[in-house]
């Protein structure tokens, strides 16, 4: 397939589309590299400074479901029909793409096929899946400050899968792991803080 930014530009701006599209329509662009496209698109949405209006948790759930399937060796992700066929206004998606495609182009400038074992081996795909799944859990929980950081890691991992670039995949996984560590630290702090409040003697 062409570069993802080229495919998305052509699909959303170079061809006439209905007023509504679905995730299934977009995922057809990915062909055999649908895993990478799922993570790249959802990660891209998370990184943009846009109000998601209650969509953060559904997006996190989609990432979690796809990441678990990647970890166990599935060839392509199964996504619930209710989510994959839900209509989305074309103008809304075009607004996201106008902001996101330039960022994709910047990352793609440095991409090329390399370190293929990173995503061709079961061990590599398992490690990627686990790192992405943990990040998705923290996105669903809604811990503050993690959406954009985890989104960058998910975006880069997905784009690496799309363009067969193991170096970009590894960078994305490293960002996800960093986000995971921050999420664990925040969760521990919240639990410890709640325990301290509950354990404080009454004045």
N, C-alpha and C. Protein backbone atom coordinates (compact mmCIF):
# COMPACT_ATOMS: atom_id res chain seq x y z
N UNK A 1 0.83 -1.20 0.00
CA UNK A 1 0.00 0.00 0.00
C UNK A 1 0.87 1.25 0.00
N UNK A 2 0.32 2.39 -0.48
CA UNK A 2 1.04 3.66 -0.42
C UNK A 2 1.20 4.08 1.03
N UNK A 3 1.92 5.17 1.22
CA UNK A 3 2.04 5.71 2.58
C UNK A 3 0.65 5.99 3.13
N UNK A 4 0.50 5.77 4.44
CA UNK A 4 -0.82 5.92 5.05
C UNK A 4 -1.36 7.33 4.85
N UNK A 5 -0.50 8.34 4.97
CA UNK A 5 -0.96 9.72 4.79
C UNK A 5 -1.53 9.93 3.39
N UNK A 6 -0.91 9.31 2.37
CA UNK A 6 -1.39 9.43 1.00
C UNK A 6 -2.74 8.74 0.84
N UNK A 7 -2.86 7.54 1.43
CA UNK A 7 -4.11 6.79 1.35
C UNK A 7 -5.26 7.57 2.01
N UNK A 8 -4.99 8.12 3.19
CA UNK A 8 -6.04 8.85 3.91
C UNK A 8 -6.42 10.14 3.20
N UNK A 9 -5.40 10.84 2.67
CA UNK A 9 -5.67 12.08 1.93
C UNK A 9 -6.55 11.79 0.72
N UNK A 10 -6.22 10.72 0.00
CA UNK A 10 -7.00 10.36 -1.18
C UNK A 10 -8.42 9.94 -0.81
N UNK A 11 -8.52 9.14 0.26
CA UNK A 11 -9.83 8.59 0.64
C UNK A 11 -10.78 9.69 1.11
N UNK A 12 -10.29 10.59 1.95
CA UNK A 12 -11.19 11.57 2.56
C UNK A 12 -11.30 12.89 1.80
N UNK A 13 -10.32 13.20 0.96
CA UNK A 13 -10.35 14.49 0.30
C UNK A 13 -10.24 14.41 -1.23
N UNK A 14 -9.78 13.28 -1.75
CA UNK A 14 -9.59 13.17 -3.18
C UNK A 14 -10.73 12.45 -3.90
N UNK A 15 -11.62 11.84 -3.13
CA UNK A 15 -12.72 11.10 -3.72
C UNK A 15 -14.04 11.55 -3.08
N UNK A 16 -15.11 11.46 -3.85
CA UNK A 16 -16.42 11.84 -3.33
C UNK A 16 -16.93 10.78 -2.38
N UNK A 17 -17.38 11.20 -1.20
CA UNK A 17 -17.85 10.28 -0.17
C UNK A 17 -19.26 10.64 0.27
N UNK A 18 -20.00 9.66 0.84
CA UNK A 18 -21.30 9.98 1.45
C UNK A 18 -21.09 10.91 2.64
N UNK A 19 -22.17 11.47 3.14
CA UNK A 19 -22.06 12.40 4.26
C UNK A 19 -21.68 11.69 5.56
N UNK A 20 -21.78 10.37 5.57
CA UNK A 20 -21.38 9.59 6.74
C UNK A 20 -20.49 8.42 6.29
N UNK A 21 -19.52 8.10 7.14
CA UNK A 21 -18.65 6.95 6.88
C UNK A 21 -18.63 6.08 8.14
N UNK A 22 -18.10 4.89 8.01
CA UNK A 22 -17.96 4.00 9.16
C UNK A 22 -16.51 3.60 9.30
N UNK A 23 -16.17 3.08 10.48
CA UNK A 23 -14.82 2.58 10.70
C UNK A 23 -14.49 1.45 9.73
N UNK A 24 -15.49 0.64 9.41
CA UNK A 24 -15.28 -0.46 8.47
C UNK A 24 -14.83 0.07 7.11
N UNK A 25 -15.43 1.19 6.67
CA UNK A 25 -15.03 1.78 5.39
C UNK A 25 -13.56 2.15 5.40
N UNK A 26 -13.13 2.78 6.49
CA UNK A 26 -11.76 3.26 6.58
C UNK A 26 -10.78 2.10 6.68
N UNK A 27 -11.14 1.07 7.44
CA UNK A 27 -10.23 -0.05 7.65
C UNK A 27 -9.97 -0.83 6.38
N UNK A 28 -10.84 -0.70 5.40
CA UNK A 28 -10.60 -1.37 4.12
C UNK A 28 -9.32 -0.87 3.46
N UNK A 29 -8.88 0.32 3.85
CA UNK A 29 -7.63 0.87 3.30
C UNK A 29 -6.45 -0.01 3.70
N UNK A 30 -6.54 -0.60 4.89
CA UNK A 30 -5.40 -1.30 5.45
C UNK A 30 -5.04 -2.61 4.79
N UNK A 31 -6.00 -3.26 4.16
CA UNK A 31 -5.73 -4.55 3.55
C UNK A 31 -5.20 -5.55 4.58
N UNK A 32 -4.04 -6.13 4.29
CA UNK A 32 -3.46 -7.12 5.18
C UNK A 32 -2.83 -6.48 6.42
N UNK A 33 -2.65 -5.19 6.40
CA UNK A 33 -1.99 -4.50 7.52
C UNK A 33 -3.02 -3.77 8.38
N UNK A 34 -4.14 -4.42 8.56
CA UNK A 34 -5.25 -3.78 9.26
C UNK A 34 -4.93 -3.50 10.72
N UNK A 35 -4.14 -4.36 11.38
CA UNK A 35 -3.75 -4.10 12.77
C UNK A 35 -3.07 -2.75 12.88
N UNK A 36 -2.08 -2.54 12.02
CA UNK A 36 -1.36 -1.28 12.08
C UNK A 36 -2.25 -0.09 11.83
N UNK A 37 -3.19 -0.22 10.88
CA UNK A 37 -4.08 0.88 10.57
C UNK A 37 -4.99 1.20 11.74
N UNK A 38 -5.51 0.17 12.42
CA UNK A 38 -6.37 0.39 13.60
C UNK A 38 -5.63 1.20 14.65
N UNK A 39 -4.41 0.76 14.99
CA UNK A 39 -3.65 1.45 16.04
C UNK A 39 -3.24 2.86 15.59
N UNK A 40 -2.84 3.00 14.33
CA UNK A 40 -2.40 4.31 13.84
C UNK A 40 -3.55 5.32 13.87
N UNK A 41 -4.72 4.91 13.40
CA UNK A 41 -5.86 5.83 13.37
C UNK A 41 -6.33 6.21 14.76
N UNK A 42 -6.50 5.20 15.63
CA UNK A 42 -7.00 5.48 16.97
C UNK A 42 -5.96 6.25 17.79
N UNK A 43 -4.68 5.91 17.62
CA UNK A 43 -3.64 6.68 18.31
C UNK A 43 -3.60 8.11 17.83
N UNK A 44 -3.78 8.31 16.53
CA UNK A 44 -3.80 9.66 15.98
C UNK A 44 -4.91 10.49 16.60
N UNK A 45 -6.09 9.92 16.72
CA UNK A 45 -7.22 10.64 17.32
C UNK A 45 -6.91 11.05 18.75
N UNK A 46 -6.26 10.15 19.50
CA UNK A 46 -5.94 10.43 20.89
C UNK A 46 -4.91 11.54 21.05
N UNK A 47 -4.03 11.70 20.08
CA UNK A 47 -2.96 12.68 20.23
C UNK A 47 -3.41 14.10 19.89
N UNK A 48 -4.49 14.22 19.13
CA UNK A 48 -4.91 15.55 18.71
C UNK A 48 -5.63 16.29 19.84
N UNK A 49 -5.42 17.59 19.94
CA UNK A 49 -6.06 18.37 21.00
C UNK A 49 -7.52 18.66 20.67
N UNK A 50 -8.30 17.60 20.58
CA UNK A 50 -9.71 17.73 20.23
C UNK A 50 -10.57 17.16 21.36
N UNK A 51 -11.72 17.80 21.65
CA UNK A 51 -12.64 17.20 22.63
C UNK A 51 -13.29 15.96 22.03
N UNK A 52 -13.13 14.82 22.69
CA UNK A 52 -13.64 13.57 22.13
C UNK A 52 -15.08 13.28 22.55
N UNK A 53 -15.63 14.10 23.45
CA UNK A 53 -17.05 14.03 23.78
C UNK A 53 -17.52 12.61 24.11
N UNK A 54 -16.84 11.99 25.07
CA UNK A 54 -17.24 10.66 25.51
C UNK A 54 -16.70 9.52 24.67
N UNK A 55 -15.85 9.82 23.68
CA UNK A 55 -15.33 8.77 22.81
C UNK A 55 -14.03 8.15 23.32
N UNK A 56 -13.43 8.75 24.35
CA UNK A 56 -12.14 8.25 24.82
C UNK A 56 -12.22 6.79 25.27
N UNK A 57 -13.24 6.46 26.04
CA UNK A 57 -13.36 5.08 26.53
C UNK A 57 -13.64 4.09 25.40
N UNK A 58 -14.58 4.38 24.47
CA UNK A 58 -14.75 3.46 23.34
C UNK A 58 -13.48 3.27 22.52
N UNK A 59 -12.73 4.35 22.32
CA UNK A 59 -11.47 4.23 21.59
C UNK A 59 -10.49 3.36 22.36
N UNK A 60 -10.41 3.58 23.68
CA UNK A 60 -9.55 2.74 24.51
C UNK A 60 -9.96 1.28 24.46
N UNK A 61 -11.27 1.05 24.43
CA UNK A 61 -11.77 -0.33 24.36
C UNK A 61 -11.37 -0.98 23.04
N UNK A 62 -11.50 -0.25 21.93
CA UNK A 62 -11.09 -0.79 20.63
C UNK A 62 -9.61 -1.13 20.61
N UNK A 63 -8.80 -0.25 21.19
CA UNK A 63 -7.36 -0.51 21.24
C UNK A 63 -7.08 -1.73 22.10
N UNK A 64 -7.76 -1.85 23.23
CA UNK A 64 -7.56 -2.99 24.12
C UNK A 64 -7.92 -4.30 23.43
N UNK A 65 -9.07 -4.35 22.78
CA UNK A 65 -9.51 -5.56 22.10
C UNK A 65 -8.52 -5.94 21.00
N UNK A 66 -8.09 -4.96 20.24
CA UNK A 66 -7.16 -5.23 19.13
C UNK A 66 -5.79 -5.64 19.66
N UNK A 67 -5.34 -5.00 20.74
CA UNK A 67 -4.02 -5.31 21.30
C UNK A 67 -3.97 -6.73 21.85
N UNK A 68 -5.02 -7.17 22.51
CA UNK A 68 -5.06 -8.54 23.04
C UNK A 68 -5.00 -9.54 21.88
N UNK A 69 -5.71 -9.25 20.81
CA UNK A 69 -5.69 -10.15 19.65
C UNK A 69 -4.31 -10.17 18.99
N UNK A 70 -3.65 -9.01 18.93
CA UNK A 70 -2.28 -8.97 18.41
C UNK A 70 -1.36 -9.82 19.26
N UNK A 71 -1.52 -9.74 20.58
CA UNK A 71 -0.65 -10.46 21.50
C UNK A 71 -0.80 -11.98 21.38
N UNK A 72 -2.00 -12.45 21.08
CA UNK A 72 -2.22 -13.90 21.02
C UNK A 72 -2.02 -14.46 19.61
N UNK A 73 -1.59 -13.61 18.67
CA UNK A 73 -1.21 -14.10 17.36
C UNK A 73 -2.27 -14.05 16.28
N UNK A 74 -3.35 -13.30 16.49
CA UNK A 74 -4.38 -13.18 15.45
C UNK A 74 -3.81 -12.47 14.22
N UNK A 75 -4.27 -12.87 13.05
CA UNK A 75 -3.80 -12.27 11.80
C UNK A 75 -4.47 -10.93 11.52
N UNK A 76 -5.71 -10.78 11.95
CA UNK A 76 -6.43 -9.52 11.79
C UNK A 76 -7.37 -9.36 12.97
N UNK A 77 -7.66 -8.12 13.37
CA UNK A 77 -8.47 -7.90 14.56
C UNK A 77 -9.96 -8.11 14.31
N UNK A 78 -10.64 -8.67 15.31
CA UNK A 78 -12.10 -8.71 15.30
C UNK A 78 -12.57 -7.52 16.12
N UNK A 79 -13.46 -6.72 15.54
CA UNK A 79 -14.00 -5.55 16.22
C UNK A 79 -15.51 -5.70 16.25
N UNK A 80 -16.15 -5.43 17.41
CA UNK A 80 -17.62 -5.56 17.49
C UNK A 80 -18.33 -4.79 16.38
N UNK A 81 -19.31 -5.44 15.76
CA UNK A 81 -20.01 -4.83 14.62
C UNK A 81 -20.69 -3.52 15.00
N UNK A 82 -21.16 -3.43 16.25
CA UNK A 82 -21.82 -2.21 16.68
C UNK A 82 -20.91 -1.00 16.63
N UNK A 83 -19.60 -1.22 16.81
CA UNK A 83 -18.63 -0.13 16.76
C UNK A 83 -18.10 0.08 15.36
N UNK A 84 -17.79 -1.00 14.66
CA UNK A 84 -17.16 -0.87 13.36
C UNK A 84 -18.14 -0.35 12.30
N UNK A 85 -19.44 -0.56 12.52
CA UNK A 85 -20.45 -0.11 11.55
C UNK A 85 -21.20 1.14 12.00
N UNK A 86 -20.77 1.74 13.09
CA UNK A 86 -21.44 2.95 13.57
C UNK A 86 -21.12 4.13 12.65
N UNK A 87 -22.13 4.81 12.11
CA UNK A 87 -21.87 5.91 11.19
C UNK A 87 -21.28 7.13 11.89
N UNK A 88 -20.34 7.76 11.20
CA UNK A 88 -19.69 8.97 11.70
C UNK A 88 -19.79 10.03 10.62
N UNK A 89 -20.08 11.25 11.02
CA UNK A 89 -20.21 12.33 10.04
C UNK A 89 -18.88 12.53 9.30
N UNK A 90 -18.95 12.59 7.98
CA UNK A 90 -17.74 12.75 7.17
C UNK A 90 -16.99 14.02 7.55
N UNK A 91 -17.71 15.11 7.81
CA UNK A 91 -17.05 16.37 8.15
C UNK A 91 -16.25 16.25 9.45
N UNK A 92 -16.76 15.47 10.40
CA UNK A 92 -16.04 15.26 11.65
C UNK A 92 -14.72 14.55 11.40
N UNK A 93 -14.77 13.49 10.61
CA UNK A 93 -13.56 12.73 10.30
C UNK A 93 -12.58 13.58 9.50
N UNK A 94 -13.09 14.35 8.55
CA UNK A 94 -12.21 15.22 7.76
C UNK A 94 -11.51 16.25 8.65
N UNK A 95 -12.21 16.75 9.66
CA UNK A 95 -11.60 17.69 10.59
C UNK A 95 -10.43 17.08 11.34
N UNK A 96 -10.60 15.82 11.75
CA UNK A 96 -9.51 15.10 12.42
C UNK A 96 -8.35 14.89 11.46
N UNK A 97 -8.65 14.49 10.24
CA UNK A 97 -7.61 14.18 9.28
C UNK A 97 -6.82 15.42 8.87
N UNK A 98 -7.48 16.56 8.78
CA UNK A 98 -6.77 17.79 8.42
C UNK A 98 -5.67 18.12 9.42
N UNK A 99 -5.91 17.81 10.69
CA UNK A 99 -4.89 18.04 11.71
C UNK A 99 -3.90 16.90 11.81
N UNK A 100 -4.37 15.68 11.54
CA UNK A 100 -3.53 14.52 11.78
C UNK A 100 -2.61 14.13 10.65
N UNK A 101 -3.05 14.31 9.39
CA UNK A 101 -2.25 13.87 8.25
C UNK A 101 -0.88 14.55 8.20
N UNK A 102 -0.76 15.87 8.47
CA UNK A 102 0.59 16.46 8.48
C UNK A 102 1.53 15.80 9.50
N UNK A 103 1.02 15.38 10.64
CA UNK A 103 1.85 14.69 11.62
C UNK A 103 2.27 13.32 11.11
N UNK A 104 1.36 12.63 10.44
CA UNK A 104 1.71 11.34 9.85
C UNK A 104 2.84 11.49 8.83
N UNK A 105 2.75 12.54 8.03
CA UNK A 105 3.78 12.76 7.01
C UNK A 105 5.15 12.97 7.64
N UNK A 106 5.19 13.68 8.76
CA UNK A 106 6.47 13.92 9.42
C UNK A 106 7.11 12.62 9.89
N UNK A 107 6.28 11.74 10.47
CA UNK A 107 6.80 10.45 10.94
C UNK A 107 7.22 9.58 9.76
N UNK A 108 6.42 9.60 8.69
CA UNK A 108 6.71 8.76 7.53
C UNK A 108 8.01 9.14 6.83
N UNK A 109 8.45 10.38 7.00
CA UNK A 109 9.70 10.81 6.39
C UNK A 109 10.87 9.96 6.85
N UNK A 110 10.78 9.43 8.07
CA UNK A 110 11.89 8.66 8.65
C UNK A 110 11.66 7.15 8.56
N UNK A 111 10.57 6.74 7.95
CA UNK A 111 10.22 5.32 7.95
C UNK A 111 10.77 4.59 6.74
N UNK A 112 11.13 3.32 6.95
CA UNK A 112 11.53 2.43 5.86
C UNK A 112 11.50 1.00 6.40
N UNK A 113 11.37 0.01 5.57
CA UNK A 113 11.37 -1.38 6.06
C UNK A 113 12.68 -1.74 6.75
N UNK A 114 12.63 -2.13 8.02
CA UNK A 114 13.82 -2.52 8.78
C UNK A 114 13.39 -3.24 10.05
N UNK A 115 14.33 -4.00 10.62
CA UNK A 115 14.08 -4.76 11.86
C UNK A 115 12.76 -5.54 11.75
N UNK A 116 12.61 -6.28 10.68
CA UNK A 116 11.33 -6.94 10.42
C UNK A 116 10.96 -7.97 11.48
N UNK A 117 11.97 -8.51 12.17
CA UNK A 117 11.68 -9.52 13.20
C UNK A 117 10.87 -8.96 14.35
N UNK A 118 10.90 -7.64 14.53
CA UNK A 118 10.20 -7.03 15.66
C UNK A 118 8.71 -7.36 15.62
N UNK A 119 8.11 -7.31 14.42
CA UNK A 119 6.67 -7.57 14.32
C UNK A 119 6.33 -8.85 13.58
N UNK A 120 7.35 -9.53 13.03
CA UNK A 120 7.08 -10.80 12.35
C UNK A 120 7.16 -11.99 13.30
N UNK A 121 7.81 -11.82 14.45
CA UNK A 121 7.94 -12.91 15.42
C UNK A 121 6.79 -12.87 16.42
N UNK A 122 6.44 -14.04 16.95
CA UNK A 122 5.39 -14.09 17.96
C UNK A 122 5.78 -13.31 19.21
N UNK A 123 7.07 -13.42 19.61
CA UNK A 123 7.53 -12.70 20.81
C UNK A 123 7.37 -11.20 20.65
N UNK A 124 7.76 -10.69 19.47
CA UNK A 124 7.66 -9.25 19.25
C UNK A 124 6.22 -8.77 19.26
N UNK A 125 5.33 -9.50 18.59
CA UNK A 125 3.92 -9.11 18.54
C UNK A 125 3.27 -9.25 19.91
N UNK A 126 3.69 -10.26 20.68
CA UNK A 126 3.15 -10.43 22.03
C UNK A 126 3.54 -9.25 22.91
N UNK A 127 4.83 -8.87 22.86
CA UNK A 127 5.29 -7.74 23.68
C UNK A 127 4.57 -6.45 23.28
N UNK A 128 4.41 -6.23 21.97
CA UNK A 128 3.69 -5.04 21.50
C UNK A 128 2.25 -5.05 22.00
N UNK A 129 1.61 -6.20 21.88
CA UNK A 129 0.21 -6.30 22.29
C UNK A 129 0.02 -6.01 23.76
N UNK A 130 0.90 -6.53 24.60
CA UNK A 130 0.78 -6.32 26.05
C UNK A 130 0.98 -4.84 26.39
N UNK A 131 2.02 -4.23 25.81
CA UNK A 131 2.28 -2.81 26.09
C UNK A 131 1.10 -1.94 25.66
N UNK A 132 0.54 -2.23 24.48
CA UNK A 132 -0.61 -1.47 24.00
C UNK A 132 -1.85 -1.72 24.85
N UNK A 133 -2.04 -2.96 25.27
CA UNK A 133 -3.23 -3.30 26.08
C UNK A 133 -3.21 -2.57 27.42
N UNK A 134 -2.05 -2.53 28.07
CA UNK A 134 -1.95 -1.84 29.36
C UNK A 134 -2.22 -0.35 29.17
N UNK A 135 -1.64 0.23 28.10
CA UNK A 135 -1.91 1.65 27.82
C UNK A 135 -3.39 1.89 27.59
N UNK A 136 -4.04 0.96 26.88
CA UNK A 136 -5.47 1.10 26.61
C UNK A 136 -6.29 1.06 27.90
N UNK A 137 -5.88 0.22 28.84
CA UNK A 137 -6.60 0.14 30.12
C UNK A 137 -6.55 1.47 30.85
N UNK A 138 -5.39 2.11 30.85
CA UNK A 138 -5.28 3.40 31.52
C UNK A 138 -6.06 4.49 30.78
N UNK A 139 -6.16 4.37 29.45
CA UNK A 139 -6.99 5.32 28.69
C UNK A 139 -8.46 5.15 29.09
N UNK A 140 -8.89 3.89 29.22
CA UNK A 140 -10.28 3.62 29.60
C UNK A 140 -10.56 4.14 31.00
N UNK A 141 -9.61 3.91 31.92
CA UNK A 141 -9.78 4.39 33.29
C UNK A 141 -9.85 5.92 33.31
N UNK A 142 -9.11 6.55 32.42
CA UNK A 142 -9.15 8.01 32.33
C UNK A 142 -8.19 8.72 33.26
N UNK A 143 -7.04 8.10 33.53
CA UNK A 143 -6.06 8.77 34.38
C UNK A 143 -5.57 10.04 33.68
N UNK A 144 -5.46 11.15 34.41
CA UNK A 144 -5.13 12.44 33.80
C UNK A 144 -3.75 12.46 33.16
N UNK A 145 -3.65 13.12 32.01
CA UNK A 145 -2.37 13.34 31.36
C UNK A 145 -1.84 12.21 30.52
N UNK A 146 -2.55 11.09 30.44
CA UNK A 146 -2.02 9.92 29.74
C UNK A 146 -2.55 9.79 28.31
N UNK A 147 -3.67 10.45 28.01
CA UNK A 147 -4.30 10.23 26.71
C UNK A 147 -3.36 10.53 25.55
N UNK A 148 -2.77 11.72 25.56
CA UNK A 148 -1.91 12.13 24.44
C UNK A 148 -0.63 11.31 24.40
N UNK A 149 -0.01 11.08 25.56
CA UNK A 149 1.24 10.32 25.59
C UNK A 149 1.03 8.89 25.11
N UNK A 150 0.02 8.23 25.62
CA UNK A 150 -0.29 6.88 25.16
C UNK A 150 -0.66 6.89 23.68
N UNK A 151 -1.38 7.93 23.26
CA UNK A 151 -1.76 8.04 21.86
C UNK A 151 -0.56 8.10 20.94
N UNK A 152 0.48 8.83 21.34
CA UNK A 152 1.70 8.91 20.53
C UNK A 152 2.33 7.53 20.38
N UNK A 153 2.41 6.79 21.50
CA UNK A 153 2.98 5.45 21.44
C UNK A 153 2.17 4.51 20.56
N UNK A 154 0.85 4.59 20.69
CA UNK A 154 -0.03 3.72 19.89
C UNK A 154 0.05 4.09 18.41
N UNK A 155 0.06 5.40 18.12
CA UNK A 155 0.19 5.87 16.74
C UNK A 155 1.48 5.37 16.10
N UNK A 156 2.60 5.51 16.80
CA UNK A 156 3.89 5.13 16.23
C UNK A 156 3.98 3.61 16.06
N UNK A 157 3.45 2.87 17.03
CA UNK A 157 3.45 1.41 16.89
C UNK A 157 2.65 0.98 15.67
N UNK A 158 1.46 1.57 15.53
CA UNK A 158 0.61 1.23 14.39
C UNK A 158 1.24 1.61 13.07
N UNK A 159 1.83 2.79 13.01
CA UNK A 159 2.45 3.23 11.76
C UNK A 159 3.64 2.34 11.42
N UNK A 160 4.39 1.91 12.44
CA UNK A 160 5.48 0.99 12.20
C UNK A 160 5.01 -0.32 11.60
N UNK A 161 3.87 -0.81 12.07
CA UNK A 161 3.28 -2.02 11.52
C UNK A 161 2.84 -1.83 10.07
N UNK A 162 2.30 -0.65 9.77
CA UNK A 162 1.82 -0.37 8.42
C UNK A 162 2.97 -0.34 7.42
N UNK A 163 4.10 0.29 7.80
CA UNK A 163 5.20 0.50 6.85
C UNK A 163 6.34 -0.50 7.05
N UNK A 164 6.12 -1.54 7.89
CA UNK A 164 7.13 -2.57 8.13
C UNK A 164 8.42 -1.98 8.71
N UNK A 165 8.28 -1.02 9.61
CA UNK A 165 9.45 -0.39 10.22
C UNK A 165 9.52 -0.78 11.69
N UNK A 166 10.40 -1.76 12.00
CA UNK A 166 10.53 -2.22 13.37
C UNK A 166 11.08 -1.17 14.31
N UNK A 167 11.90 -0.25 13.78
CA UNK A 167 12.46 0.80 14.64
C UNK A 167 11.36 1.73 15.14
N UNK A 168 10.43 2.10 14.25
CA UNK A 168 9.31 2.94 14.68
C UNK A 168 8.41 2.18 15.64
N UNK A 169 8.20 0.88 15.37
CA UNK A 169 7.42 0.04 16.29
C UNK A 169 8.03 0.06 17.69
N UNK A 170 9.35 -0.16 17.75
CA UNK A 170 10.03 -0.20 19.05
C UNK A 170 9.94 1.15 19.77
N UNK A 171 10.06 2.23 19.01
CA UNK A 171 9.92 3.55 19.61
C UNK A 171 8.52 3.74 20.18
N UNK A 172 7.51 3.31 19.41
CA UNK A 172 6.14 3.41 19.89
C UNK A 172 5.90 2.57 21.13
N UNK A 173 6.45 1.36 21.15
CA UNK A 173 6.30 0.49 22.32
C UNK A 173 6.98 1.12 23.53
N UNK A 174 8.16 1.72 23.32
CA UNK A 174 8.87 2.37 24.43
C UNK A 174 8.03 3.51 25.01
N UNK A 175 7.39 4.29 24.14
CA UNK A 175 6.52 5.38 24.62
C UNK A 175 5.33 4.81 25.39
N UNK A 176 4.76 3.71 24.89
CA UNK A 176 3.64 3.06 25.58
C UNK A 176 4.06 2.57 26.96
N UNK A 177 5.24 1.96 27.03
CA UNK A 177 5.74 1.46 28.33
C UNK A 177 5.95 2.62 29.29
N UNK A 178 6.48 3.74 28.78
CA UNK A 178 6.66 4.92 29.62
C UNK A 178 5.31 5.41 30.15
N UNK A 179 4.31 5.45 29.24
CA UNK A 179 2.96 5.84 29.66
C UNK A 179 2.40 4.84 30.68
N UNK A 180 2.68 3.55 30.47
CA UNK A 180 2.21 2.52 31.40
C UNK A 180 2.80 2.73 32.79
N UNK A 181 4.09 3.06 32.84
CA UNK A 181 4.75 3.27 34.13
C UNK A 181 4.15 4.49 34.84
N UNK A 182 3.88 5.54 34.07
CA UNK A 182 3.25 6.72 34.66
C UNK A 182 1.86 6.36 35.17
N UNK A 183 1.13 5.56 34.39
CA UNK A 183 -0.21 5.14 34.81
C UNK A 183 -0.17 4.33 36.08
N UNK A 184 0.77 3.40 36.18
CA UNK A 184 0.90 2.59 37.40
C UNK A 184 1.24 3.48 38.59
N UNK A 185 2.17 4.42 38.39
CA UNK A 185 2.55 5.34 39.48
C UNK A 185 1.36 6.17 39.93
N UNK A 186 0.59 6.70 38.96
CA UNK A 186 -0.59 7.50 39.31
C UNK A 186 -1.63 6.66 40.05
N UNK A 187 -1.82 5.42 39.59
CA UNK A 187 -2.80 4.55 40.24
C UNK A 187 -2.38 4.24 41.68
N UNK A 188 -1.10 3.96 41.88
CA UNK A 188 -0.61 3.69 43.23
C UNK A 188 -0.78 4.91 44.12
N UNK A 189 -0.45 6.10 43.54
CA UNK A 189 -0.59 7.33 44.32
C UNK A 189 -2.04 7.58 44.72
N UNK A 190 -2.96 7.31 43.79
CA UNK A 190 -4.38 7.50 44.09
C UNK A 190 -4.84 6.54 45.18
N UNK A 191 -4.39 5.28 45.08
CA UNK A 191 -4.78 4.28 46.09
C UNK A 191 -4.19 4.64 47.45
N UNK A 192 -2.91 5.00 47.45
CA UNK A 192 -2.25 5.35 48.71
C UNK A 192 -2.85 6.60 49.32
N UNK A 193 -3.17 7.59 48.45
CA UNK A 193 -3.79 8.81 48.95
C UNK A 193 -5.16 8.55 49.53
N UNK A 194 -5.95 7.69 48.85
CA UNK A 194 -7.27 7.34 49.37
C UNK A 194 -7.16 6.58 50.67
N UNK A 195 -6.18 5.69 50.78
CA UNK A 195 -6.00 4.93 52.02
C UNK A 195 -5.62 5.85 53.16
N UNK A 196 -4.76 6.84 52.85
CA UNK A 196 -4.34 7.76 53.89
C UNK A 196 -5.50 8.59 54.41
N UNK A 197 -6.37 9.02 53.46
CA UNK A 197 -7.53 9.81 53.88
C UNK A 197 -8.46 8.97 54.74
N UNK A 198 -8.70 7.74 54.30
CA UNK A 198 -9.60 6.85 55.04
C UNK A 198 -9.02 6.49 56.41
N UNK A 199 -7.68 6.48 56.50
CA UNK A 199 -7.06 6.07 57.75
C UNK A 199 -6.82 7.21 58.71
N UNK A 200 -7.08 8.43 58.29
CA UNK A 200 -6.85 9.58 59.17
C UNK A 200 -7.85 9.57 60.32
N UNK A 201 -7.36 9.75 61.56
CA UNK A 201 -8.30 9.79 62.69
C UNK A 201 -9.13 11.07 62.66
N UNK A 202 -10.32 10.97 63.11
CA UNK A 202 -11.20 12.15 63.18
C UNK A 202 -10.66 13.12 64.20
N UNK A 203 -10.75 14.43 63.95
CA UNK A 203 -10.26 15.43 64.92
C UNK A 203 -11.10 15.44 66.18
